[in-house]
Amino acid sequence: MRLDLRGVSVTLDGSPIVREAGLEVGEGEFAGLVGPNGCGKSTLLRAVYRALRPTAGLVAVDGDDLHRLPARRAARRVAVMAQEIPADLDFTVAEIVLMGRTPYRADAAADERRCARALDRVGLAGAAERVFATLSGGEKQRALLARALVQETRLLLLDEPTSHLDVRHQLELLHLVRELGTELGIATLAVLHDLNQAAAFCDRLYVMNAGRVVAGGPPAQVLTPELISEVYGVRAVRRTQLVFERLREER
C-alpha cells in the first residue's frame, strides 16, 4: 500500500489552512508529520481520511483517488486513530475492536477470531470483556490500534497518538506501531509533536509550517538546527538526542 499526496490544499471558512502539500509513504514505512501548533498537520491528515475534502490536489492510495472511492471501499483502504480518545463509551473492548469490521459483510465467528488475534498483538489478550471506559489511557490507545488492525487495511493514519499517554506508554505504542508496520507491511503516517520520538521511530519525516510542507526526508537530513530554528523558533543541539533552547531576542 502506498499513499501519495500531490498539491493538496484545504480551505476552512474561507481561510487557507493547508497549501499545496505533497508527501508520500511507502509500504511498511513509518512516516511522521511534524510542525508547530496550528501549522495544519491535523487538517492535512483529516483530508487524507476524508473527514475534510481538499479544495485542490490529489490524495491517492495505490494510485486511486481516495475521495472518489465509495465510503465502504475507502474504509477498506485506510484505518484511523483519531486525536481524541472517547472516554465514556459503554462498550466492551471487543465491541470497540469489532467496529473495525463495519466495512465488511458480517461473519461473526471469523470476526471474533480476528478480534482475539488483534488484541493479542497489542498486548490486551484477555481484555475483550472489559468495559472500554475502565481502561487506562495506554490500554485505550492499544484497543483502538486493535480496532484499526481488524479493519485489515494497509494504510494507518495516527493523529497525535501519544498525546494522552505518559512517557512509558508513548514509547510502547510507537514501538508497537513500528513493529506491526514492519511485520504486516502497513504504511503509517502519524502526526507527532515530540521531535526526539519522531527521529527515533520514523523512517521519513515531513515538516509543516504555515500550512505548507517545507521539508521531507530521513530524520537525520530533515531535523537540522537551521530548519528547527526557522520553523520552531528554538535552537537545537544534536547530541544523542535533540536538545532545545528557546531563542532569545538579541538586545
Protein backbone atom coordinates (compact mmCIF):
# COMPACT_ATOMS: atom_id res chain seq x y z
CA MET A 1 0.00 0.00 0.00
CA ARG A 2 1.29 3.44 -0.94
CA LEU A 3 0.00 6.90 -0.05
CA ASP A 4 0.70 9.86 -2.32
CA LEU A 5 -0.39 13.45 -1.73
CA ARG A 6 0.08 15.89 -4.58
CA GLY A 7 -0.68 19.60 -4.25
CA VAL A 8 -3.27 19.15 -1.51
CA SER A 9 -4.87 22.36 -0.28
CA VAL A 10 -7.63 22.74 2.33
CA THR A 11 -9.65 25.89 2.97
CA LEU A 12 -11.89 26.24 6.03
CA ASP A 13 -14.37 29.12 6.44
CA GLY A 14 -12.65 30.94 3.62
CA SER A 15 -9.18 30.68 5.17
CA PRO A 16 -6.44 28.56 3.57
CA ILE A 17 -5.18 26.10 6.19
CA VAL A 18 -3.15 23.70 4.04
CA ARG A 19 -1.41 24.92 0.90
CA GLU A 20 -0.23 22.63 -1.92
CA ALA A 21 1.05 19.90 0.40
CA GLY A 22 2.83 16.89 -1.02
CA LEU A 23 4.20 13.75 0.59
CA GLU A 24 4.49 10.00 0.08
CA VAL A 25 4.51 6.94 2.34
CA GLY A 26 5.58 3.56 1.02
CA GLU A 27 4.69 0.03 2.04
CA GLY A 28 5.91 -0.79 5.55
CA GLU A 29 7.17 2.76 6.05
CA PHE A 30 6.57 4.81 9.19
CA ALA A 31 6.36 8.49 8.24
CA GLY A 32 5.94 11.34 10.70
CA LEU A 33 4.25 14.67 10.13
CA VAL A 34 5.67 17.32 12.47
CA GLY A 35 5.49 21.06 12.90
CA PRO A 36 4.41 23.77 15.35
CA ASN A 37 0.88 24.06 16.70
CA GLY A 38 -1.57 25.43 14.16
CA CYS A 39 0.57 24.66 11.12
CA GLY A 40 -2.08 22.41 9.51
CA LYS A 41 -0.87 18.89 10.39
CA SER A 42 -4.16 17.51 11.70
CA THR A 43 -6.12 19.29 8.99
CA LEU A 44 -3.98 17.64 6.33
CA LEU A 45 -4.44 14.24 7.97
CA ARG A 46 -8.22 14.75 8.12
CA ALA A 47 -8.16 15.47 4.40
CA VAL A 48 -6.42 12.13 3.88
CA TYR A 49 -9.03 10.13 5.79
CA ARG A 50 -11.95 12.03 4.19
CA ALA A 51 -13.15 13.94 7.23
CA LEU A 52 -12.39 17.01 5.08
CA ARG A 53 -12.43 17.36 1.30
CA PRO A 54 -9.41 19.09 -0.24
CA THR A 55 -10.13 22.23 -2.21
CA ALA A 56 -7.33 21.23 -4.58
CA GLY A 57 -4.90 18.41 -5.17
CA LEU A 58 -4.92 14.61 -5.03
CA VAL A 59 -4.96 12.07 -2.21
CA ALA A 60 -4.06 8.75 -3.83
CA VAL A 61 -3.82 5.26 -2.32
CA ASP A 62 -2.12 2.83 -4.68
CA GLY A 63 -2.87 5.30 -7.47
CA ASP A 64 -6.62 5.59 -6.74
CA ASP A 65 -8.14 8.94 -5.77
CA LEU A 66 -9.33 8.18 -2.24
CA HIS A 67 -12.01 10.86 -2.35
CA ARG A 68 -13.62 9.29 -5.41
CA LEU A 69 -13.96 5.84 -3.87
CA PRO A 70 -17.24 4.72 -2.27
CA ALA A 71 -17.11 5.05 1.52
CA ARG A 72 -17.01 1.30 2.13
CA ARG A 73 -14.13 0.78 -0.30
CA ALA A 74 -12.23 3.72 1.20
CA ALA A 75 -12.67 2.23 4.68
CA ARG A 76 -11.07 -0.98 3.43
CA ARG A 77 -8.02 1.03 2.37
CA VAL A 78 -7.45 3.35 5.35
CA ALA A 79 -7.66 2.90 9.14
CA VAL A 80 -7.52 5.86 11.52
CA MET A 81 -6.66 6.50 15.15
CA ALA A 82 -8.04 10.00 15.72
CA GLN A 83 -6.69 12.52 18.21
CA GLU A 84 -9.45 12.36 20.83
CA ILE A 85 -9.90 9.21 22.90
CA PRO A 86 -13.57 8.50 23.70
CA ALA A 87 -13.66 8.30 27.48
CA ASP A 88 -17.18 7.25 28.41
CA LEU A 89 -18.25 4.67 25.84
CA ASP A 90 -20.34 1.96 27.47
CA PHE A 91 -18.95 -0.79 25.25
CA THR A 92 -16.69 -3.70 25.92
CA VAL A 93 -13.22 -3.75 24.43
CA ALA A 94 -14.33 -6.46 21.99
CA GLU A 95 -17.27 -4.35 20.83
CA ILE A 96 -14.96 -1.39 20.22
CA VAL A 97 -12.48 -3.52 18.30
CA LEU A 98 -15.17 -5.17 16.19
CA MET A 99 -16.30 -1.75 14.95
CA GLY A 100 -13.30 -2.06 12.65
CA ARG A 101 -15.18 -4.77 10.75
CA THR A 102 -18.00 -2.36 9.78
CA PRO A 103 -16.80 -2.02 6.14
CA TYR A 104 -17.17 -5.77 5.62
CA ARG A 105 -20.05 -8.19 5.49
CA ALA A 106 -20.56 -9.76 8.87
CA ASP A 107 -19.08 -13.16 9.66
CA ALA A 108 -19.41 -13.23 13.44
CA ALA A 109 -17.23 -16.25 14.15
CA ALA A 110 -14.40 -15.14 11.85
CA ASP A 111 -14.58 -11.59 13.18
CA GLU A 112 -14.32 -12.78 16.77
CA ARG A 113 -11.16 -14.67 15.83
CA ARG A 114 -9.77 -11.52 14.19
CA CYS A 115 -10.62 -9.56 17.33
CA ALA A 116 -8.82 -12.06 19.56
CA ARG A 117 -5.72 -12.03 17.33
CA ALA A 118 -5.64 -8.23 17.23
CA LEU A 119 -5.98 -7.92 21.00
CA ASP A 120 -3.19 -10.44 21.45
CA ARG A 121 -0.97 -8.46 19.05
CA VAL A 122 -1.42 -5.25 21.03
CA GLY A 123 -0.94 -6.90 24.42
CA LEU A 124 -4.58 -6.93 25.51
CA ALA A 125 -5.28 -10.65 25.33
CA GLY A 126 -7.92 -11.48 27.92
CA ALA A 127 -9.31 -7.91 27.98
CA ALA A 128 -12.14 -8.47 25.48
CA GLU A 129 -14.94 -8.29 28.06
CA ARG A 130 -13.59 -5.33 29.99
CA VAL A 131 -15.54 -2.09 29.69
CA PHE A 132 -13.62 0.30 27.44
CA ALA A 133 -14.19 3.27 29.76
CA THR A 134 -12.36 1.50 32.60
CA LEU A 135 -9.11 1.13 30.65
CA SER A 136 -6.06 3.26 31.25
CA GLY A 137 -5.02 5.76 28.58
CA GLY A 138 -2.37 3.40 27.23
CA GLU A 139 -4.81 0.48 27.16
CA LYS A 140 -7.40 2.57 25.32
CA GLN A 141 -4.87 3.51 22.65
CA ARG A 142 -3.89 -0.14 22.22
CA ALA A 143 -7.55 -1.14 21.95
CA LEU A 144 -8.06 1.49 19.25
CA LEU A 145 -4.98 0.19 17.47
CA ALA A 146 -6.51 -3.31 17.61
CA ARG A 147 -9.66 -1.85 16.02
CA ALA A 148 -7.52 -0.46 13.21
CA LEU A 149 -5.84 -3.84 12.74
CA VAL A 150 -9.09 -5.78 12.36
CA GLN A 151 -10.05 -3.31 9.65
CA GLU A 152 -7.34 -5.09 7.64
CA THR A 153 -6.12 -2.06 5.73
CA ARG A 154 -2.52 -1.48 4.72
CA LEU A 155 -2.57 2.24 5.50
CA LEU A 156 -2.73 3.52 9.08
CA LEU A 157 -3.20 7.17 10.00
CA LEU A 158 -2.46 8.36 13.54
CA ASP A 159 -3.31 11.84 14.82
CA GLU A 160 -1.14 12.59 17.86
CA PRO A 161 -1.41 9.02 19.15
CA THR A 162 0.76 9.66 22.23
CA SER A 163 -0.78 12.95 23.40
CA HIS A 164 -2.72 11.40 26.30
CA LEU A 165 -0.01 8.99 27.43
CA ASP A 166 2.86 9.03 29.89
CA VAL A 167 6.38 8.55 28.55
CA ARG A 168 6.44 4.79 29.06
CA HIS A 169 3.17 4.25 27.20
CA GLN A 170 4.22 6.68 24.46
CA LEU A 171 7.30 4.59 23.74
CA GLU A 172 5.42 1.30 23.98
CA LEU A 173 2.79 2.46 21.49
CA LEU A 174 5.32 3.78 18.98
CA HIS A 175 7.37 0.58 19.26
CA LEU A 176 4.22 -1.44 18.62
CA VAL A 177 3.16 0.63 15.61
CA ARG A 178 6.61 0.33 14.07
CA GLU A 179 6.81 -3.42 14.67
CA LEU A 180 3.36 -4.04 13.19
CA GLY A 181 4.15 -1.88 10.19
CA THR A 182 7.31 -3.87 9.51
CA GLU A 183 5.66 -7.23 10.13
CA LEU A 184 2.46 -6.59 8.16
CA GLY A 185 3.73 -4.15 5.55
CA ILE A 186 1.47 -1.35 6.81
CA ALA A 187 2.23 2.17 5.60
CA THR A 188 1.85 4.54 8.55
CA LEU A 189 1.53 8.33 8.63
CA ALA A 190 1.46 9.86 12.11
CA VAL A 191 1.12 13.42 13.35
CA LEU A 192 3.69 13.73 16.14
CA HIS A 193 4.84 16.50 18.46
CA ASP A 194 7.94 15.07 20.10
CA LEU A 195 10.82 15.53 17.66
CA ASN A 196 13.07 13.10 19.53
CA GLN A 197 10.45 10.37 19.25
CA ALA A 198 9.81 11.24 15.62
CA ALA A 199 13.53 10.98 14.88
CA ALA A 200 13.83 7.68 16.74
CA PHE A 201 10.87 5.85 15.24
CA CYS A 202 10.16 7.30 11.81
CA ASP A 203 11.76 6.27 8.53
CA ARG A 204 10.80 9.58 6.99
CA LEU A 205 9.71 12.96 8.34
CA TYR A 206 7.71 15.74 6.79
CA VAL A 207 7.85 19.18 8.41
CA MET A 208 4.93 21.58 8.06
CA ASN A 209 4.97 25.31 8.66
CA ALA A 210 2.20 27.82 7.96
CA GLY A 211 0.20 25.24 6.04
CA ARG A 212 2.99 24.04 3.79
CA VAL A 213 5.24 21.01 3.78
CA VAL A 214 8.63 22.69 3.93
CA ALA A 215 10.91 19.66 4.24
CA GLY A 216 10.81 15.90 3.85
CA GLY A 217 13.21 13.00 4.04
CA PRO A 218 15.10 10.84 6.55
CA PRO A 219 15.07 12.37 10.05
CA ALA A 220 18.83 12.95 10.17
CA GLN A 221 18.62 15.01 6.99
CA VAL A 222 15.45 16.89 7.89
CA LEU A 223 15.92 17.83 11.55
CA THR A 224 18.78 20.24 11.11
CA PRO A 225 19.43 23.02 13.65
CA GLU A 226 18.77 25.56 10.88
CA LEU A 227 15.34 24.17 9.98
CA ILE A 228 14.31 23.76 13.62
CA SER A 229 15.31 27.34 14.32
CA GLU A 230 13.32 28.60 11.34
CA VAL A 231 10.18 26.54 11.99
CA TYR A 232 10.04 26.32 15.77
CA GLY A 233 12.00 29.36 16.88
CA VAL A 234 14.32 27.36 19.13
CA ARG A 235 17.96 26.40 18.99
CA ALA A 236 18.67 22.70 18.70
CA VAL A 237 21.91 20.94 19.56
CA ARG A 238 22.37 17.44 18.16
CA ARG A 239 23.79 15.04 20.74
CA THR A 240 22.35 11.57 21.23
CA GLN A 241 19.04 13.42 21.07
CA LEU A 242 17.99 16.89 20.12
CA VAL A 243 18.38 19.44 22.92
CA PHE A 244 16.28 22.58 22.60
CA GLU A 245 16.75 26.09 23.92
CA ARG A 246 14.35 28.96 23.42
CA LEU A 247 15.75 31.65 21.15
CA ARG A 248 16.39 34.90 22.97
CA GLU A 249 15.90 38.21 21.28
CA GLU A 250 19.14 40.00 20.74
CA ARG A 251 19.23 43.33 22.55
